Amino acid sequence: LRFTVQGADRRPVTSFATVHEKPLHLIVARRDLSGYQHLHPTMAADGTWSVPLTLPAPGIWRAYADFTVDTPAGQQVATTLGVDLVAAGSYTPKDLPAPATATTVDGFAVSYTGTPSIGATQPLAFRVARDGAPAALEPYLGSFGHLVTLREGDLGYLHVHPDAVAAPGEVKFWLAAPSPGRYRMFFDFQVGGVVRTAEFTVRVE
């Protein structure tokens, strides 16, 4: 996948701030929220970004470029841009899984406590355990975890980062939902040098 980020003058932007160890985070999710990837493209001198991308199933996928621009005036402007990608083939959208506060991924038990609400920032505490003991979470992109939340339907996008201090096996985020509805939360964490993603459906009322 190759793309550019263009300014108001239609010229490629080349000055980006490093946020969580990367100048640009690329989130790719299928529109039924049944697939998710968190990628980090590299930028050439002319402002062209590129990254190997495999879409594992047919359908429409939404790609989000999440970045912060360094402006000539010395300001930093956080921006998220989205575009649809189409993988050809027979596409039958999957139903969103029922809301749940616990799941497993690669032998890790992942759960969370907290209730997102509309317009008010609330804590969500994610816990990762293996064999009944807190997992030894490792820093990933400058944090002990990353949380991307997408709204069912229009795929409204939230990317939040955790508190600086985490209890063993625990990562706390602060989240405010923009509207009622169902959301899919994607929680990235790293153990043993391997990044894994736990997925949850949550209903906000």
C-alpha atoms as a PDB file:
ATOM      1  CA  LEU A   1       0.000   0.000   0.000  1.00  0.00           C
ATOM      2  CA  ARG A   2       1.368   3.416  -1.004  1.00  0.00           C
ATOM      3  CA  PHE A   3      -0.164   6.787  -0.170  1.00  0.00           C
ATOM      4  CA  THR A   4       0.618  10.422   0.594  1.00  0.00           C
ATOM      5  CA  VAL A   5      -0.771  12.879   3.120  1.00  0.00           C
ATOM      6  CA  GLN A   6      -1.446  16.157   1.337  1.00  0.00           C
ATOM      7  CA  GLY A   7      -1.786  19.626   2.813  1.00  0.00           C
ATOM      8  CA  ALA A   8      -4.203  22.384   1.777  1.00  0.00           C
ATOM      9  CA  ASP A   9      -1.861  23.167  -1.113  1.00  0.00           C
ATOM     10  CA  ARG A  10      -2.208  19.555  -2.407  1.00  0.00           C
ATOM     11  CA  ARG A  11       1.489  18.953  -1.862  1.00  0.00           C
ATOM     12  CA  PRO A  12       2.705  15.944   0.141  1.00  0.00           C
ATOM     13  CA  VAL A  13       3.353  16.686   3.809  1.00  0.00           C
ATOM     14  CA  THR A  14       6.789  15.516   4.960  1.00  0.00           C
ATOM     15  CA  SER A  15       7.132  16.890   8.512  1.00  0.00           C
ATOM     16  CA  PHE A  16       5.559  14.638  11.156  1.00  0.00           C
ATOM     17  CA  ALA A  17       5.975  14.458  14.913  1.00  0.00           C
ATOM     18  CA  THR A  18       6.960  11.147  16.465  1.00  0.00           C
ATOM     19  CA  VAL A  19       4.075   9.961  18.640  1.00  0.00           C
ATOM     20  CA  HIS A  20       4.463   6.698  20.544  1.00  0.00           C
ATOM     21  CA  GLU A  21       7.712   6.000  18.729  1.00  0.00           C
ATOM     22  CA  LYS A  22       6.233   6.312  15.214  1.00  0.00           C
ATOM     23  CA  PRO A  23       5.423   9.244  12.918  1.00  0.00           C
ATOM     24  CA  LEU A  24       2.286   7.537  11.569  1.00  0.00           C
ATOM     25  CA  HIS A  25       0.049   4.715  12.791  1.00  0.00           C
ATOM     26  CA  LEU A  26      -2.050   2.927  10.165  1.00  0.00           C
ATOM     27  CA  ILE A  27      -5.122   1.081  11.448  1.00  0.00           C
ATOM     28  CA  VAL A  28      -6.923  -1.225   9.006  1.00  0.00           C
ATOM     29  CA  ALA A  29     -10.273  -2.826   9.898  1.00  0.00           C
ATOM     30  CA  ARG A  30     -12.916  -4.624   7.876  1.00  0.00           C
ATOM     31  CA  ARG A  31     -16.190  -2.730   7.831  1.00  0.00           C
ATOM     32  CA  ASP A  32     -17.996  -5.493   9.739  1.00  0.00           C
ATOM     33  CA  LEU A  33     -15.215  -5.197  12.385  1.00  0.00           C
ATOM     34  CA  SER A  34     -14.191  -8.838  11.924  1.00  0.00           C
ATOM     35  CA  GLY A  35     -10.584  -7.993  11.009  1.00  0.00           C
ATOM     36  CA  TYR A  36      -8.003  -5.592  12.427  1.00  0.00           C
ATOM     37  CA  GLN A  37      -4.373  -4.616  11.798  1.00  0.00           C
ATOM     38  CA  HIS A  38      -2.107  -1.991  13.398  1.00  0.00           C
ATOM     39  CA  LEU A  39       0.711  -1.156  10.965  1.00  0.00           C
ATOM     40  CA  HIS A  40       3.555   1.343  10.736  1.00  0.00           C
ATOM     41  CA  PRO A  41       4.437   2.539   7.216  1.00  0.00           C
ATOM     42  CA  THR A  42       7.735   4.155   6.317  1.00  0.00           C
ATOM     43  CA  MET A  43       7.996   7.461   4.475  1.00  0.00           C
ATOM     44  CA  ALA A  44      10.253   8.197   1.509  1.00  0.00           C
ATOM     45  CA  ALA A  45      11.882  11.604   1.033  1.00  0.00           C
ATOM     46  CA  ASP A  46       9.098  12.700  -1.340  1.00  0.00           C
ATOM     47  CA  GLY A  47       6.405  12.087   1.289  1.00  0.00           C
ATOM     48  CA  THR A  48       5.194   8.724  -0.065  1.00  0.00           C
ATOM     49  CA  TRP A  49       4.305   6.250   2.673  1.00  0.00           C
ATOM     50  CA  SER A  50       4.474   2.498   2.011  1.00  0.00           C
ATOM     51  CA  VAL A  51       3.765  -0.675   3.965  1.00  0.00           C
ATOM     52  CA  PRO A  52       3.192  -4.342   3.083  1.00  0.00           C
ATOM     53  CA  LEU A  53      -0.525  -5.017   3.492  1.00  0.00           C
ATOM     54  CA  THR A  54      -2.461  -8.268   3.227  1.00  0.00           C
ATOM     55  CA  LEU A  55      -6.247  -8.153   3.433  1.00  0.00           C
ATOM     56  CA  PRO A  56      -7.060 -11.708   4.535  1.00  0.00           C
ATOM     57  CA  ALA A  57     -10.718 -11.757   3.463  1.00  0.00           C
ATOM     58  CA  PRO A  58     -12.853 -10.164   0.730  1.00  0.00           C
ATOM     59  CA  GLY A  59     -14.856  -7.082   1.554  1.00  0.00           C
ATOM     60  CA  ILE A  60     -14.549  -3.387   2.266  1.00  0.00           C
ATOM     61  CA  TRP A  61     -11.827  -2.376   4.692  1.00  0.00           C
ATOM     62  CA  ARG A  62     -11.327   1.006   6.325  1.00  0.00           C
ATOM     63  CA  ALA A  63      -7.775   2.344   6.636  1.00  0.00           C
ATOM     64  CA  TYR A  64      -7.059   5.113   9.166  1.00  0.00           C
ATOM     65  CA  ALA A  65      -3.884   7.186   8.994  1.00  0.00           C
ATOM     66  CA  ASP A  66      -3.315   8.506  12.518  1.00  0.00           C
ATOM     67  CA  PHE A  67      -0.558  11.140  12.723  1.00  0.00           C
ATOM     68  CA  THR A  68       0.554  14.514  14.090  1.00  0.00           C
ATOM     69  CA  VAL A  69       1.896  17.154  11.691  1.00  0.00           C
ATOM     70  CA  ASP A  70       4.610  19.665  12.564  1.00  0.00           C
ATOM     71  CA  THR A  71       3.388  22.926  11.013  1.00  0.00           C
ATOM     72  CA  PRO A  72       5.702  25.717   9.767  1.00  0.00           C
ATOM     73  CA  ALA A  73       4.378  27.850  12.652  1.00  0.00           C
ATOM     74  CA  GLY A  74       5.787  25.363  15.140  1.00  0.00           C
ATOM     75  CA  GLN A  75       2.434  23.856  16.092  1.00  0.00           C
ATOM     76  CA  GLN A  76       1.569  20.176  16.246  1.00  0.00           C
ATOM     77  CA  VAL A  77      -1.771  19.184  14.733  1.00  0.00           C
ATOM     78  CA  ALA A  78      -3.136  15.709  15.502  1.00  0.00           C
ATOM     79  CA  THR A  79      -5.143  14.326  12.576  1.00  0.00           C
ATOM     80  CA  THR A  80      -6.858  11.121  11.511  1.00  0.00           C
ATOM     81  CA  LEU A  81      -7.742  10.513   7.856  1.00  0.00           C
ATOM     82  CA  GLY A  82      -9.666   7.509   6.544  1.00  0.00           C
ATOM     83  CA  VAL A  83     -10.112   5.775   3.208  1.00  0.00           C
ATOM     84  CA  ASP A  84     -11.890   2.594   2.086  1.00  0.00           C
ATOM     85  CA  LEU A  85      -9.985  -0.306   0.531  1.00  0.00           C
ATOM     86  CA  VAL A  86     -11.760  -3.032  -1.441  1.00  0.00           C
ATOM     87  CA  ALA A  87     -10.658  -6.667  -1.501  1.00  0.00           C
ATOM     88  CA  ALA A  88     -12.446  -8.384  -4.383  1.00  0.00           C
ATOM     89  CA  GLY A  89     -14.493 -11.507  -3.809  1.00  0.00           C
ATOM     90  CA  SER A  90     -17.711 -12.743  -2.284  1.00  0.00           C
ATOM     91  CA  TYR A  91     -18.397 -10.689   0.834  1.00  0.00           C
ATOM     92  CA  THR A  92     -20.905 -11.618   3.500  1.00  0.00           C
ATOM     93  CA  PRO A  93     -20.681  -9.331   6.536  1.00  0.00           C
ATOM     94  CA  LYS A  94     -20.331 -11.127   9.857  1.00  0.00           C
ATOM     95  CA  ASP A  95     -22.480 -10.308  12.844  1.00  0.00           C
ATOM     96  CA  LEU A  96     -20.720  -8.412  15.602  1.00  0.00           C
ATOM     97  CA  PRO A  97     -20.004 -10.710  18.582  1.00  0.00           C
ATOM     98  CA  ALA A  98     -22.117 -10.165  21.676  1.00  0.00           C
ATOM     99  CA  PRO A  99     -20.784  -7.778  24.333  1.00  0.00           C
ATOM    100  CA  ALA A 100     -18.359  -9.457  26.750  1.00  0.00           C
ATOM    101  CA  THR A 101     -15.755  -8.324  29.258  1.00  0.00           C
ATOM    102  CA  ALA A 102     -13.398 -11.318  28.929  1.00  0.00           C
ATOM    103  CA  THR A 103     -11.721 -13.211  26.103  1.00  0.00           C
ATOM    104  CA  THR A 104      -8.663 -15.357  25.397  1.00  0.00           C
ATOM    105  CA  VAL A 105      -5.898 -14.899  22.833  1.00  0.00           C
ATOM    106  CA  ASP A 106      -2.966 -17.296  22.370  1.00  0.00           C
ATOM    107  CA  GLY A 107      -3.373 -18.713  25.864  1.00  0.00           C
ATOM    108  CA  PHE A 108      -3.691 -15.326  27.562  1.00  0.00           C
ATOM    109  CA  ALA A 109      -6.834 -14.498  29.526  1.00  0.00           C
ATOM    110  CA  VAL A 110      -7.743 -10.859  28.914  1.00  0.00           C
ATOM    111  CA  SER A 111     -10.531  -9.011  30.697  1.00  0.00           C
ATOM    112  CA  TYR A 112     -11.541  -5.465  31.487  1.00  0.00           C
ATOM    113  CA  THR A 113     -13.582  -3.562  34.049  1.00  0.00           C
ATOM    114  CA  GLY A 114     -15.283  -0.218  33.618  1.00  0.00           C
ATOM    115  CA  THR A 115     -18.263   1.132  31.697  1.00  0.00           C
ATOM    116  CA  PRO A 116     -17.782   3.629  28.860  1.00  0.00           C
ATOM    117  CA  SER A 117     -20.272   6.478  28.849  1.00  0.00           C
ATOM    118  CA  ILE A 118     -21.235   9.243  26.445  1.00  0.00           C
ATOM    119  CA  GLY A 119     -19.332  12.494  26.724  1.00  0.00           C
ATOM    120  CA  ALA A 120     -17.745  11.662  30.107  1.00  0.00           C
ATOM    121  CA  THR A 121     -14.269  10.174  30.400  1.00  0.00           C
ATOM    122  CA  GLN A 122     -14.359   6.886  32.289  1.00  0.00           C
ATOM    123  CA  PRO A 123     -11.578   4.453  33.289  1.00  0.00           C
ATOM    124  CA  LEU A 124     -11.241   1.062  31.618  1.00  0.00           C
ATOM    125  CA  ALA A 125      -8.785  -1.314  33.292  1.00  0.00           C
ATOM    126  CA  PHE A 126      -7.549  -4.210  31.142  1.00  0.00           C
ATOM    127  CA  ARG A 127      -5.931  -7.222  32.813  1.00  0.00           C
ATOM    128  CA  VAL A 128      -3.791  -9.835  31.083  1.00  0.00           C
ATOM    129  CA  ALA A 129      -3.017 -13.165  32.766  1.00  0.00           C
ATOM    130  CA  ARG A 130      -1.492 -16.498  31.834  1.00  0.00           C
ATOM    131  CA  ASP A 131      -1.838 -19.654  33.933  1.00  0.00           C
ATOM    132  CA  GLY A 132      -3.670 -17.625  36.566  1.00  0.00           C
ATOM    133  CA  ALA A 133      -0.844 -15.119  37.125  1.00  0.00           C
ATOM    134  CA  PRO A 134      -0.483 -11.543  35.838  1.00  0.00           C
ATOM    135  CA  ALA A 135       1.357 -11.488  32.514  1.00  0.00           C
ATOM    136  CA  ALA A 136       4.713  -9.716  32.253  1.00  0.00           C
ATOM    137  CA  LEU A 137       3.604  -6.911  29.936  1.00  0.00           C
ATOM    138  CA  GLU A 138       6.343  -5.198  27.941  1.00  0.00           C
ATOM    139  CA  PRO A 139       6.413  -1.654  26.546  1.00  0.00           C
ATOM    140  CA  TYR A 140       5.052  -1.529  23.013  1.00  0.00           C
ATOM    141  CA  LEU A 141       5.438   1.741  21.115  1.00  0.00           C
ATOM    142  CA  GLY A 142       6.171   3.567  24.321  1.00  0.00           C
ATOM    143  CA  SER A 143       3.204   2.203  26.308  1.00  0.00           C
ATOM    144  CA  PHE A 144       2.148  -1.005  28.009  1.00  0.00           C
ATOM    145  CA  GLY A 145      -0.843  -1.190  25.686  1.00  0.00           C
ATOM    146  CA  HIS A 146      -2.814   0.555  22.965  1.00  0.00           C
ATOM    147  CA  LEU A 147      -6.575   0.721  22.562  1.00  0.00           C
ATOM    148  CA  VAL A 148      -8.397   1.398  19.297  1.00  0.00           C
ATOM    149  CA  THR A 149     -12.196   1.609  19.465  1.00  0.00           C
ATOM    150  CA  LEU A 150     -14.430   1.633  16.371  1.00  0.00           C
ATOM    151  CA  ARG A 151     -18.155   2.373  16.307  1.00  0.00           C
ATOM    152  CA  GLU A 152     -20.410  -0.097  14.497  1.00  0.00           C
ATOM    153  CA  GLY A 153     -21.898   1.325  11.290  1.00  0.00           C
ATOM    154  CA  ASP A 154     -19.960   4.476  10.460  1.00  0.00           C
ATOM    155  CA  LEU A 155     -16.697   3.180  12.031  1.00  0.00           C
ATOM    156  CA  GLY A 156     -16.145   6.284  14.159  1.00  0.00           C
ATOM    157  CA  TYR A 157     -12.547   6.069  15.397  1.00  0.00           C
ATOM    158  CA  LEU A 158     -10.973   6.449  18.840  1.00  0.00           C
ATOM    159  CA  HIS A 159      -7.307   5.739  19.654  1.00  0.00           C
ATOM    160  CA  VAL A 160      -6.396   6.172  23.310  1.00  0.00           C
ATOM    161  CA  HIS A 161      -3.236   5.508  25.291  1.00  0.00           C
ATOM    162  CA  PRO A 162      -2.915   4.286  28.873  1.00  0.00           C
ATOM    163  CA  ASP A 163      -1.710   5.780  32.126  1.00  0.00           C
ATOM    164  CA  ALA A 164       2.056   5.867  32.505  1.00  0.00           C
ATOM    165  CA  VAL A 165       2.036   3.561  35.541  1.00  0.00           C
ATOM    166  CA  ALA A 166       0.485   0.097  35.342  1.00  0.00           C
ATOM    167  CA  ALA A 167       0.019  -2.607  37.978  1.00  0.00           C
ATOM    168  CA  PRO A 168       1.429  -6.044  37.076  1.00  0.00           C
ATOM    169  CA  GLY A 169      -0.564  -7.333  34.130  1.00  0.00           C
ATOM    170  CA  GLU A 170      -2.897  -4.321  34.140  1.00  0.00           C
ATOM    171  CA  VAL A 171      -3.297  -1.370  31.770  1.00  0.00           C
ATOM    172  CA  LYS A 172      -5.726   1.479  32.455  1.00  0.00           C
ATOM    173  CA  PHE A 173      -7.203   3.724  29.760  1.00  0.00           C
ATOM    174  CA  TRP A 174      -9.536   6.720  29.951  1.00  0.00           C
ATOM    175  CA  LEU A 175     -12.281   6.669  27.331  1.00  0.00           C
ATOM    176  CA  ALA A 176     -15.239   8.888  26.413  1.00  0.00           C
ATOM    177  CA  ALA A 177     -17.693   7.556  23.835  1.00  0.00           C
ATOM    178  CA  PRO A 178     -19.069  10.159  21.396  1.00  0.00           C
ATOM    179  CA  SER A 179     -22.526   8.582  21.010  1.00  0.00           C
ATOM    180  CA  PRO A 180     -24.658   5.556  21.971  1.00  0.00           C
ATOM    181  CA  GLY A 181     -24.255   2.327  20.033  1.00  0.00           C
ATOM    182  CA  ARG A 182     -22.109  -0.762  19.815  1.00  0.00           C
ATOM    183  CA  TYR A 183     -18.337  -0.478  19.608  1.00  0.00           C
ATOM    184  CA  ARG A 184     -15.528  -2.946  18.964  1.00  0.00           C
ATOM    185  CA  MET A 185     -12.443  -2.451  21.147  1.00  0.00           C
ATOM    186  CA  PHE A 186      -9.023  -3.685  19.990  1.00  0.00           C
ATOM    187  CA  PHE A 187      -6.463  -3.903  22.812  1.00  0.00           C
ATOM    188  CA  ASP A 188      -2.833  -4.410  21.730  1.00  0.00           C
ATOM    189  CA  PHE A 189      -0.337  -5.744  24.272  1.00  0.00           C
ATOM    190  CA  GLN A 190       3.139  -7.262  24.110  1.00  0.00           C
ATOM    191  CA  VAL A 191       4.607 -10.226  26.001  1.00  0.00           C
ATOM    192  CA  GLY A 192       7.834 -12.013  25.104  1.00  0.00           C
ATOM    193  CA  GLY A 193       8.427  -9.685  22.166  1.00  0.00           C
ATOM    194  CA  VAL A 194       5.139 -10.686  20.494  1.00  0.00           C
ATOM    195  CA  VAL A 195       2.251  -8.242  20.035  1.00  0.00           C
ATOM    196  CA  ARG A 196      -1.229  -9.684  20.413  1.00  0.00           C
ATOM    197  CA  THR A 197      -4.679  -8.146  20.083  1.00  0.00           C
ATOM    198  CA  ALA A 198      -7.662  -8.861  22.325  1.00  0.00           C
ATOM    199  CA  GLU A 199     -11.042  -7.862  20.904  1.00  0.00           C
ATOM    200  CA  PHE A 200     -14.216  -6.900  22.773  1.00  0.00           C
ATOM    201  CA  THR A 201     -17.699  -5.709  21.863  1.00  0.00           C
ATOM    202  CA  VAL A 202     -19.196  -3.090  24.181  1.00  0.00           C
ATOM    203  CA  ARG A 203     -22.586  -1.401  24.120  1.00  0.00           C
ATOM    204  CA  VAL A 204     -22.706   2.254  25.153  1.00  0.00           C
ATOM    205  CA  GLU A 205     -26.070   3.638  26.259  1.00  0.00           C
END
